[in-house]
N, C-alpha and C. Protein backbone atom coordinates (compact mmCIF):
# COMPACT_ATOMS: atom_id res chain seq x y z
N MET A 1 8.43 -19.23 -7.24
CA MET A 1 9.44 -19.52 -6.24
C MET A 1 10.54 -20.35 -6.90
N THR A 2 11.75 -19.98 -6.61
CA THR A 2 12.91 -20.67 -7.15
C THR A 2 13.31 -21.79 -6.21
N ASN A 3 13.68 -22.94 -6.76
CA ASN A 3 14.20 -23.96 -5.87
C ASN A 3 15.69 -23.74 -5.68
N TRP A 4 16.27 -24.42 -4.73
CA TRP A 4 17.66 -24.15 -4.39
C TRP A 4 18.60 -24.43 -5.56
N ASP A 5 18.33 -25.44 -6.36
CA ASP A 5 19.20 -25.73 -7.50
C ASP A 5 19.31 -24.54 -8.44
N GLU A 6 18.21 -23.80 -8.60
CA GLU A 6 18.23 -22.63 -9.47
C GLU A 6 18.93 -21.45 -8.81
N ALA A 7 18.95 -21.43 -7.47
CA ALA A 7 19.55 -20.31 -6.75
C ALA A 7 21.03 -20.52 -6.46
N GLU A 8 21.53 -21.73 -6.67
CA GLU A 8 22.93 -22.01 -6.35
C GLU A 8 23.91 -21.14 -7.11
N ASP A 9 23.53 -20.66 -8.29
CA ASP A 9 24.45 -19.85 -9.08
C ASP A 9 24.78 -18.53 -8.40
N VAL A 10 23.97 -18.13 -7.44
CA VAL A 10 24.25 -16.89 -6.72
C VAL A 10 25.00 -17.25 -5.44
N THR A 11 26.27 -16.98 -5.46
CA THR A 11 27.08 -17.25 -4.28
C THR A 11 27.32 -15.96 -3.54
N ALA A 12 27.95 -16.07 -2.40
CA ALA A 12 28.26 -14.90 -1.60
C ALA A 12 29.09 -13.90 -2.40
N LYS A 13 29.82 -14.37 -3.40
CA LYS A 13 30.65 -13.51 -4.24
C LYS A 13 29.80 -12.50 -5.02
N TYR A 14 28.60 -12.89 -5.48
CA TYR A 14 27.75 -12.04 -6.31
C TYR A 14 26.73 -11.24 -5.50
N LEU A 15 26.55 -11.60 -4.25
CA LEU A 15 25.53 -10.93 -3.45
C LEU A 15 25.76 -9.44 -3.25
N PRO A 16 26.99 -8.97 -3.00
CA PRO A 16 27.16 -7.52 -2.81
C PRO A 16 26.63 -6.69 -3.98
N ASP A 17 26.88 -7.13 -5.20
CA ASP A 17 26.39 -6.39 -6.36
C ASP A 17 24.87 -6.43 -6.43
N LEU A 18 24.30 -7.59 -6.17
CA LEU A 18 22.84 -7.73 -6.18
C LEU A 18 22.20 -6.88 -5.07
N ILE A 19 22.83 -6.87 -3.90
CA ILE A 19 22.32 -6.06 -2.79
C ILE A 19 22.43 -4.58 -3.11
N LYS A 20 23.52 -4.17 -3.74
CA LYS A 20 23.68 -2.77 -4.13
C LYS A 20 22.57 -2.35 -5.10
N LYS A 21 22.32 -3.21 -6.09
CA LYS A 21 21.25 -2.92 -7.05
C LYS A 21 19.90 -2.81 -6.35
N ALA A 22 19.65 -3.71 -5.41
CA ALA A 22 18.38 -3.69 -4.67
C ALA A 22 18.28 -2.41 -3.84
N ASN A 23 19.36 -2.03 -3.19
CA ASN A 23 19.36 -0.80 -2.39
C ASN A 23 19.19 0.43 -3.27
N ASP A 24 19.59 0.34 -4.53
CA ASP A 24 19.42 1.45 -5.48
C ASP A 24 18.01 1.49 -6.05
N GLY A 25 17.17 0.51 -5.67
CA GLY A 25 15.77 0.53 -6.09
C GLY A 25 15.41 -0.44 -7.20
N ASN A 26 16.34 -1.30 -7.64
CA ASN A 26 16.07 -2.23 -8.72
C ASN A 26 15.10 -3.32 -8.24
N ALA A 27 13.89 -3.31 -8.79
CA ALA A 27 12.86 -4.26 -8.36
C ALA A 27 13.24 -5.71 -8.67
N HIS A 28 13.90 -5.93 -9.81
CA HIS A 28 14.32 -7.29 -10.16
C HIS A 28 15.32 -7.82 -9.14
N ALA A 29 16.26 -6.99 -8.72
CA ALA A 29 17.25 -7.41 -7.73
C ALA A 29 16.58 -7.69 -6.39
N LYS A 30 15.61 -6.87 -6.01
CA LYS A 30 14.89 -7.08 -4.75
C LYS A 30 14.16 -8.43 -4.78
N ARG A 31 13.48 -8.70 -5.87
CA ARG A 31 12.76 -9.97 -5.99
C ARG A 31 13.72 -11.15 -6.02
N ARG A 32 14.85 -10.97 -6.69
CA ARG A 32 15.84 -12.05 -6.77
C ARG A 32 16.38 -12.37 -5.39
N LEU A 33 16.65 -11.35 -4.59
CA LEU A 33 17.15 -11.59 -3.23
C LEU A 33 16.12 -12.34 -2.39
N LEU A 34 14.85 -11.95 -2.50
CA LEU A 34 13.80 -12.67 -1.77
C LEU A 34 13.66 -14.10 -2.28
N ASP A 35 13.80 -14.27 -3.58
CA ASP A 35 13.72 -15.59 -4.19
C ASP A 35 14.84 -16.50 -3.68
N ILE A 36 16.05 -15.94 -3.61
CA ILE A 36 17.20 -16.71 -3.12
C ILE A 36 16.98 -17.09 -1.67
N PHE A 37 16.52 -16.12 -0.88
CA PHE A 37 16.27 -16.39 0.54
C PHE A 37 15.26 -17.53 0.70
N CYS A 38 14.13 -17.44 0.00
CA CYS A 38 13.10 -18.48 0.09
C CYS A 38 13.61 -19.83 -0.37
N ALA A 39 14.39 -19.84 -1.44
CA ALA A 39 14.93 -21.11 -1.95
C ALA A 39 15.87 -21.74 -0.95
N MET A 40 16.69 -20.92 -0.31
CA MET A 40 17.62 -21.45 0.69
C MET A 40 16.87 -22.01 1.89
N VAL A 41 15.87 -21.27 2.37
CA VAL A 41 15.08 -21.74 3.51
C VAL A 41 14.33 -23.01 3.15
N ASP A 42 13.71 -23.04 1.95
CA ASP A 42 12.98 -24.24 1.51
C ASP A 42 13.88 -25.45 1.41
N ALA A 43 15.15 -25.23 1.08
CA ALA A 43 16.10 -26.34 0.95
C ALA A 43 16.84 -26.62 2.26
N SER A 44 16.38 -25.99 3.34
CA SER A 44 17.00 -26.14 4.67
C SER A 44 18.46 -25.72 4.67
N LYS A 45 18.79 -24.73 3.85
CA LYS A 45 20.14 -24.17 3.82
C LYS A 45 20.15 -22.91 4.66
N THR A 46 21.26 -22.61 5.28
CA THR A 46 21.39 -21.38 6.04
C THR A 46 21.61 -20.23 5.06
N PRO A 47 20.74 -19.22 5.11
CA PRO A 47 20.91 -18.08 4.19
C PRO A 47 22.24 -17.37 4.41
N TYR A 48 22.77 -16.80 3.34
CA TYR A 48 24.02 -16.07 3.42
C TYR A 48 23.91 -14.93 4.43
N PRO A 49 24.95 -14.67 5.22
CA PRO A 49 24.91 -13.56 6.18
C PRO A 49 24.60 -12.21 5.53
N GLU A 50 25.15 -11.96 4.33
CA GLU A 50 24.90 -10.69 3.65
C GLU A 50 23.41 -10.54 3.31
N LEU A 51 22.81 -11.65 2.92
CA LEU A 51 21.39 -11.65 2.58
C LEU A 51 20.54 -11.40 3.82
N LEU A 52 20.90 -12.05 4.91
CA LEU A 52 20.17 -11.83 6.16
C LEU A 52 20.32 -10.39 6.62
N GLY A 53 21.50 -9.82 6.44
CA GLY A 53 21.73 -8.43 6.82
C GLY A 53 20.86 -7.49 6.01
N TYR A 54 20.80 -7.72 4.71
CA TYR A 54 19.96 -6.90 3.82
C TYR A 54 18.50 -6.97 4.25
N LEU A 55 17.98 -8.19 4.44
CA LEU A 55 16.58 -8.36 4.82
C LEU A 55 16.30 -7.76 6.19
N SER A 56 17.20 -7.98 7.14
CA SER A 56 17.03 -7.45 8.48
C SER A 56 16.97 -5.92 8.47
N GLN A 57 17.87 -5.30 7.71
CA GLN A 57 17.91 -3.84 7.63
C GLN A 57 16.57 -3.30 7.11
N HIS A 58 16.07 -3.87 6.03
CA HIS A 58 14.85 -3.35 5.43
C HIS A 58 13.60 -3.69 6.23
N ILE A 59 13.59 -4.82 6.87
CA ILE A 59 12.45 -5.16 7.73
C ILE A 59 12.42 -4.23 8.93
N SER A 60 13.57 -3.97 9.53
CA SER A 60 13.64 -3.06 10.68
C SER A 60 13.20 -1.65 10.30
N GLU A 61 13.70 -1.16 9.18
CA GLU A 61 13.32 0.18 8.72
C GLU A 61 11.82 0.26 8.45
N ALA A 62 11.29 -0.78 7.85
CA ALA A 62 9.87 -0.77 7.47
C ALA A 62 8.96 -0.85 8.68
N LEU A 63 9.40 -1.51 9.72
CA LEU A 63 8.54 -1.70 10.89
C LEU A 63 8.53 -0.50 11.83
N ASN A 64 9.37 0.48 11.59
CA ASN A 64 9.38 1.70 12.40
C ASN A 64 8.28 2.63 11.92
N GLY A 65 7.31 2.89 12.77
CA GLY A 65 6.26 3.84 12.41
C GLY A 65 4.98 3.18 11.95
N LYS A 66 4.10 4.03 11.38
CA LYS A 66 2.79 3.57 10.92
C LYS A 66 2.90 2.81 9.60
N ASP A 67 1.84 2.14 9.25
CA ASP A 67 1.72 1.43 7.97
C ASP A 67 2.87 0.46 7.75
N ALA A 68 3.17 -0.34 8.76
CA ALA A 68 4.32 -1.24 8.71
C ALA A 68 4.26 -2.22 7.54
N ALA A 69 3.10 -2.79 7.29
CA ALA A 69 2.99 -3.77 6.19
C ALA A 69 3.26 -3.12 4.84
N LEU A 70 2.71 -1.93 4.63
CA LEU A 70 2.92 -1.21 3.37
C LEU A 70 4.39 -0.85 3.21
N LYS A 71 5.00 -0.35 4.28
CA LYS A 71 6.42 0.01 4.23
C LYS A 71 7.29 -1.22 3.96
N LEU A 72 6.93 -2.33 4.59
CA LEU A 72 7.71 -3.55 4.38
C LEU A 72 7.63 -4.00 2.93
N GLY A 73 6.46 -3.98 2.36
CA GLY A 73 6.30 -4.36 0.96
C GLY A 73 7.11 -3.46 0.05
N LYS A 74 7.05 -2.16 0.28
CA LYS A 74 7.81 -1.22 -0.54
C LYS A 74 9.31 -1.41 -0.37
N ALA A 75 9.75 -1.66 0.87
CA ALA A 75 11.18 -1.83 1.13
C ALA A 75 11.71 -3.10 0.46
N LEU A 76 10.92 -4.15 0.50
CA LEU A 76 11.40 -5.42 -0.03
C LEU A 76 11.13 -5.60 -1.52
N LEU A 77 10.04 -5.04 -2.04
CA LEU A 77 9.69 -5.26 -3.43
C LEU A 77 9.74 -4.02 -4.29
N GLY A 78 9.80 -2.87 -3.68
CA GLY A 78 9.82 -1.63 -4.44
C GLY A 78 8.43 -1.02 -4.45
N GLY A 79 8.39 0.27 -4.75
CA GLY A 79 7.13 0.99 -4.80
C GLY A 79 6.38 0.68 -6.07
N PRO A 80 5.24 1.33 -6.26
CA PRO A 80 4.41 1.07 -7.45
C PRO A 80 5.17 1.23 -8.76
N ALA A 81 6.09 2.18 -8.82
CA ALA A 81 6.84 2.40 -10.07
C ALA A 81 7.77 1.24 -10.39
N ASN A 82 8.18 0.49 -9.36
CA ASN A 82 9.12 -0.61 -9.56
C ASN A 82 8.44 -1.96 -9.66
N ARG A 83 7.14 -2.00 -9.41
CA ARG A 83 6.46 -3.28 -9.44
C ARG A 83 6.47 -3.88 -10.82
N LEU A 84 6.65 -5.16 -10.87
CA LEU A 84 6.61 -5.86 -12.15
C LEU A 84 5.16 -6.14 -12.50
N ALA A 85 4.80 -5.92 -13.73
CA ALA A 85 3.43 -6.18 -14.17
C ALA A 85 3.21 -7.69 -14.25
N SER A 86 1.98 -8.09 -13.97
CA SER A 86 1.64 -9.51 -14.11
C SER A 86 1.69 -9.86 -15.59
N PRO A 87 1.85 -11.14 -15.92
CA PRO A 87 1.85 -11.53 -17.33
C PRO A 87 0.58 -11.11 -18.05
N GLU A 88 -0.57 -11.17 -17.35
CA GLU A 88 -1.83 -10.77 -17.97
C GLU A 88 -1.84 -9.28 -18.30
N THR A 89 -1.37 -8.47 -17.36
CA THR A 89 -1.31 -7.03 -17.56
C THR A 89 -0.34 -6.69 -18.68
N GLU A 90 0.80 -7.36 -18.68
CA GLU A 90 1.80 -7.11 -19.72
C GLU A 90 1.23 -7.46 -21.10
N PHE A 91 0.48 -8.55 -21.19
CA PHE A 91 -0.15 -8.94 -22.46
C PHE A 91 -1.15 -7.88 -22.92
N ILE A 92 -1.98 -7.41 -22.00
CA ILE A 92 -2.95 -6.36 -22.34
C ILE A 92 -2.23 -5.11 -22.84
N HIS A 93 -1.13 -4.76 -22.17
CA HIS A 93 -0.36 -3.58 -22.60
C HIS A 93 0.23 -3.78 -23.99
N GLU A 94 0.67 -4.99 -24.30
CA GLU A 94 1.19 -5.26 -25.64
C GLU A 94 0.08 -5.15 -26.68
N VAL A 95 -1.11 -5.64 -26.34
CA VAL A 95 -2.24 -5.57 -27.28
C VAL A 95 -2.61 -4.12 -27.57
N VAL A 96 -2.73 -3.30 -26.52
CA VAL A 96 -3.11 -1.90 -26.76
C VAL A 96 -1.99 -1.16 -27.48
N ALA A 97 -0.75 -1.50 -27.20
CA ALA A 97 0.37 -0.88 -27.92
C ALA A 97 0.31 -1.25 -29.40
N TRP A 98 -0.03 -2.50 -29.67
CA TRP A 98 -0.18 -2.94 -31.06
C TRP A 98 -1.29 -2.16 -31.75
N GLU A 99 -2.42 -2.00 -31.07
CA GLU A 99 -3.54 -1.26 -31.65
C GLU A 99 -3.14 0.17 -31.99
N VAL A 100 -2.42 0.82 -31.09
CA VAL A 100 -1.96 2.19 -31.35
C VAL A 100 -0.99 2.18 -32.53
N ALA A 101 -0.06 1.23 -32.55
CA ALA A 101 0.93 1.15 -33.63
C ALA A 101 0.24 0.95 -34.99
N GLU A 102 -0.78 0.12 -35.00
CA GLU A 102 -1.50 -0.13 -36.25
C GLU A 102 -2.18 1.15 -36.75
N LEU A 103 -2.83 1.86 -35.86
CA LEU A 103 -3.48 3.11 -36.25
C LEU A 103 -2.46 4.16 -36.69
N ARG A 104 -1.34 4.21 -36.01
CA ARG A 104 -0.28 5.15 -36.38
C ARG A 104 0.28 4.82 -37.76
N SER A 105 0.37 3.53 -38.08
CA SER A 105 0.90 3.13 -39.38
C SER A 105 -0.02 3.56 -40.53
N ARG A 106 -1.28 3.81 -40.19
CA ARG A 106 -2.25 4.28 -41.19
C ARG A 106 -2.28 5.80 -41.28
N GLY A 107 -1.35 6.46 -40.54
CA GLY A 107 -1.24 7.90 -40.63
C GLY A 107 -1.94 8.69 -39.53
N MET A 108 -2.52 7.99 -38.57
CA MET A 108 -3.22 8.69 -37.50
C MET A 108 -2.21 9.29 -36.52
N LEU A 109 -2.48 10.47 -36.02
CA LEU A 109 -1.62 11.08 -35.01
C LEU A 109 -1.65 10.24 -33.74
N ARG A 110 -0.55 10.28 -33.00
CA ARG A 110 -0.43 9.43 -31.82
C ARG A 110 -1.57 9.69 -30.82
N GLU A 111 -1.85 10.94 -30.54
CA GLU A 111 -2.90 11.26 -29.56
C GLU A 111 -4.27 10.77 -30.03
N ASP A 112 -4.52 10.90 -31.31
CA ASP A 112 -5.80 10.43 -31.86
C ASP A 112 -5.88 8.90 -31.81
N ALA A 113 -4.76 8.24 -32.11
CA ALA A 113 -4.73 6.78 -32.05
C ALA A 113 -4.97 6.29 -30.63
N VAL A 114 -4.33 6.93 -29.67
CA VAL A 114 -4.52 6.55 -28.27
C VAL A 114 -5.98 6.73 -27.86
N SER A 115 -6.57 7.88 -28.22
CA SER A 115 -7.97 8.14 -27.87
C SER A 115 -8.91 7.11 -28.51
N LYS A 116 -8.63 6.73 -29.74
CA LYS A 116 -9.45 5.73 -30.43
C LYS A 116 -9.36 4.38 -29.71
N VAL A 117 -8.15 4.01 -29.30
CA VAL A 117 -7.98 2.74 -28.59
C VAL A 117 -8.70 2.78 -27.24
N VAL A 118 -8.64 3.92 -26.55
CA VAL A 118 -9.38 4.06 -25.29
C VAL A 118 -10.87 3.83 -25.54
N ASP A 119 -11.39 4.45 -26.60
CA ASP A 119 -12.82 4.29 -26.92
C ASP A 119 -13.16 2.87 -27.36
N ASP A 120 -12.32 2.29 -28.23
CA ASP A 120 -12.60 0.95 -28.77
C ASP A 120 -12.47 -0.14 -27.71
N LEU A 121 -11.53 0.03 -26.80
CA LEU A 121 -11.26 -1.00 -25.80
C LEU A 121 -11.63 -0.51 -24.40
N TRP A 122 -12.72 0.22 -24.29
CA TRP A 122 -13.14 0.82 -23.03
C TRP A 122 -13.31 -0.20 -21.92
N GLU A 123 -13.67 -1.45 -22.29
CA GLU A 123 -13.92 -2.47 -21.27
C GLU A 123 -12.66 -2.85 -20.50
N LEU A 124 -11.49 -2.50 -21.02
CA LEU A 124 -10.24 -2.78 -20.30
C LEU A 124 -10.05 -1.81 -19.13
N GLY A 125 -10.76 -0.69 -19.18
CA GLY A 125 -10.66 0.28 -18.10
C GLY A 125 -9.37 1.08 -18.10
N LEU A 126 -8.72 1.19 -19.25
CA LEU A 126 -7.47 1.94 -19.34
C LEU A 126 -7.75 3.35 -19.85
N ASP A 127 -7.07 4.32 -19.28
CA ASP A 127 -7.24 5.69 -19.74
C ASP A 127 -6.15 6.05 -20.75
N ASP A 128 -6.20 7.26 -21.26
CA ASP A 128 -5.22 7.72 -22.26
C ASP A 128 -3.79 7.57 -21.77
N ASP A 129 -3.56 7.95 -20.51
CA ASP A 129 -2.20 7.90 -19.98
C ASP A 129 -1.66 6.47 -19.92
N ALA A 130 -2.49 5.53 -19.49
CA ALA A 130 -2.05 4.13 -19.39
C ALA A 130 -1.75 3.55 -20.77
N ILE A 131 -2.57 3.88 -21.75
CA ILE A 131 -2.36 3.35 -23.09
C ILE A 131 -1.14 4.01 -23.74
N LEU A 132 -0.99 5.30 -23.53
CA LEU A 132 0.19 5.99 -24.07
C LEU A 132 1.47 5.44 -23.45
N LYS A 133 1.44 5.20 -22.16
CA LYS A 133 2.61 4.64 -21.47
C LYS A 133 2.94 3.25 -22.03
N ALA A 134 1.92 2.42 -22.22
CA ALA A 134 2.13 1.07 -22.78
C ALA A 134 2.70 1.17 -24.19
N TYR A 135 2.16 2.07 -24.98
CA TYR A 135 2.65 2.25 -26.36
C TYR A 135 4.11 2.70 -26.37
N LYS A 136 4.43 3.69 -25.55
CA LYS A 136 5.81 4.18 -25.49
C LYS A 136 6.77 3.09 -25.06
N LYS A 137 6.36 2.31 -24.07
CA LYS A 137 7.22 1.24 -23.56
C LYS A 137 7.47 0.18 -24.63
N HIS A 138 6.41 -0.30 -25.24
CA HIS A 138 6.56 -1.41 -26.19
C HIS A 138 7.09 -0.97 -27.54
N SER A 139 6.80 0.25 -27.95
CA SER A 139 7.27 0.70 -29.27
C SER A 139 8.78 0.88 -29.31
N LYS A 140 9.42 0.93 -28.16
CA LYS A 140 10.88 1.04 -28.11
C LYS A 140 11.57 -0.31 -28.30
N ARG A 141 10.85 -1.38 -28.06
CA ARG A 141 11.46 -2.71 -28.15
C ARG A 141 11.67 -3.11 -29.60
N PRO A 142 12.88 -3.51 -29.97
CA PRO A 142 13.15 -3.89 -31.37
C PRO A 142 12.24 -5.01 -31.87
N GLU A 143 11.97 -5.99 -31.04
CA GLU A 143 11.13 -7.11 -31.48
C GLU A 143 9.69 -6.66 -31.72
N PHE A 144 9.23 -5.67 -30.98
CA PHE A 144 7.89 -5.13 -31.18
C PHE A 144 7.83 -4.41 -32.52
N LYS A 145 8.83 -3.58 -32.79
CA LYS A 145 8.88 -2.86 -34.07
C LYS A 145 8.90 -3.85 -35.24
N TRP A 146 9.70 -4.90 -35.09
CA TRP A 146 9.81 -5.90 -36.14
C TRP A 146 8.48 -6.60 -36.35
N LEU A 147 7.81 -6.97 -35.26
CA LEU A 147 6.53 -7.66 -35.36
C LEU A 147 5.47 -6.77 -36.01
N VAL A 148 5.43 -5.50 -35.63
CA VAL A 148 4.47 -4.57 -36.22
C VAL A 148 4.69 -4.49 -37.73
N LYS A 149 5.94 -4.34 -38.17
CA LYS A 149 6.23 -4.27 -39.61
C LYS A 149 5.81 -5.55 -40.32
N LEU A 150 6.13 -6.68 -39.71
CA LEU A 150 5.79 -7.97 -40.31
C LEU A 150 4.28 -8.13 -40.45
N LEU A 151 3.56 -7.90 -39.38
CA LEU A 151 2.10 -8.09 -39.41
C LEU A 151 1.43 -7.11 -40.35
N LEU A 152 1.90 -5.88 -40.36
CA LEU A 152 1.30 -4.89 -41.28
C LEU A 152 1.61 -5.22 -42.74
N SER A 153 2.79 -5.74 -43.02
CA SER A 153 3.11 -6.10 -44.40
C SER A 153 2.24 -7.27 -44.86
N LYS A 154 1.97 -8.22 -43.96
CA LYS A 154 1.10 -9.35 -44.30
C LYS A 154 -0.34 -8.89 -44.48
N LYS A 155 -0.76 -7.93 -43.66
CA LYS A 155 -2.12 -7.41 -43.74
C LYS A 155 -2.31 -6.65 -45.04
N ASP A 156 -1.30 -5.85 -45.42
CA ASP A 156 -1.36 -5.07 -46.67
C ASP A 156 -1.33 -5.99 -47.89
N ALA A 157 -0.69 -7.14 -47.78
CA ALA A 157 -0.57 -8.06 -48.91
C ALA A 157 -1.90 -8.74 -49.23
N LYS A 158 -2.82 -8.76 -48.26
CA LYS A 158 -4.11 -9.45 -48.48
C LYS A 158 -5.04 -8.67 -49.34
């Protein structure tokens, strides 16, 4: 939860862009808007009218029909594809991506490396698709590529 001092940088001037991003499905923007709202309420500040309008629209839409709680969560935070991974999950994904990268650096085909990681780390409960997705996501990051090269060069030097 953000306190009001941290939320002050978002003024009514920046809200339309943030609201547009949230309406376009950006999970970070959705969470930021909820964070700003909570910070303002916690600080006994009146929330911006644009922010109240955004929340009111999505709460009203979500409450129409069955599964109101599920719809509300999706409207305010995004669906499963937009959910942010917990730090623990993100760490596990980085570890399995590293394992795949290490096996690939030894010449193993990607599919074989993924299958080996599934077998070696079966206790994590991740299937081939989850590990491949984690590998694809993290292998694109420049800092991940740099770290893999660094660690492998140190490992080869031993």
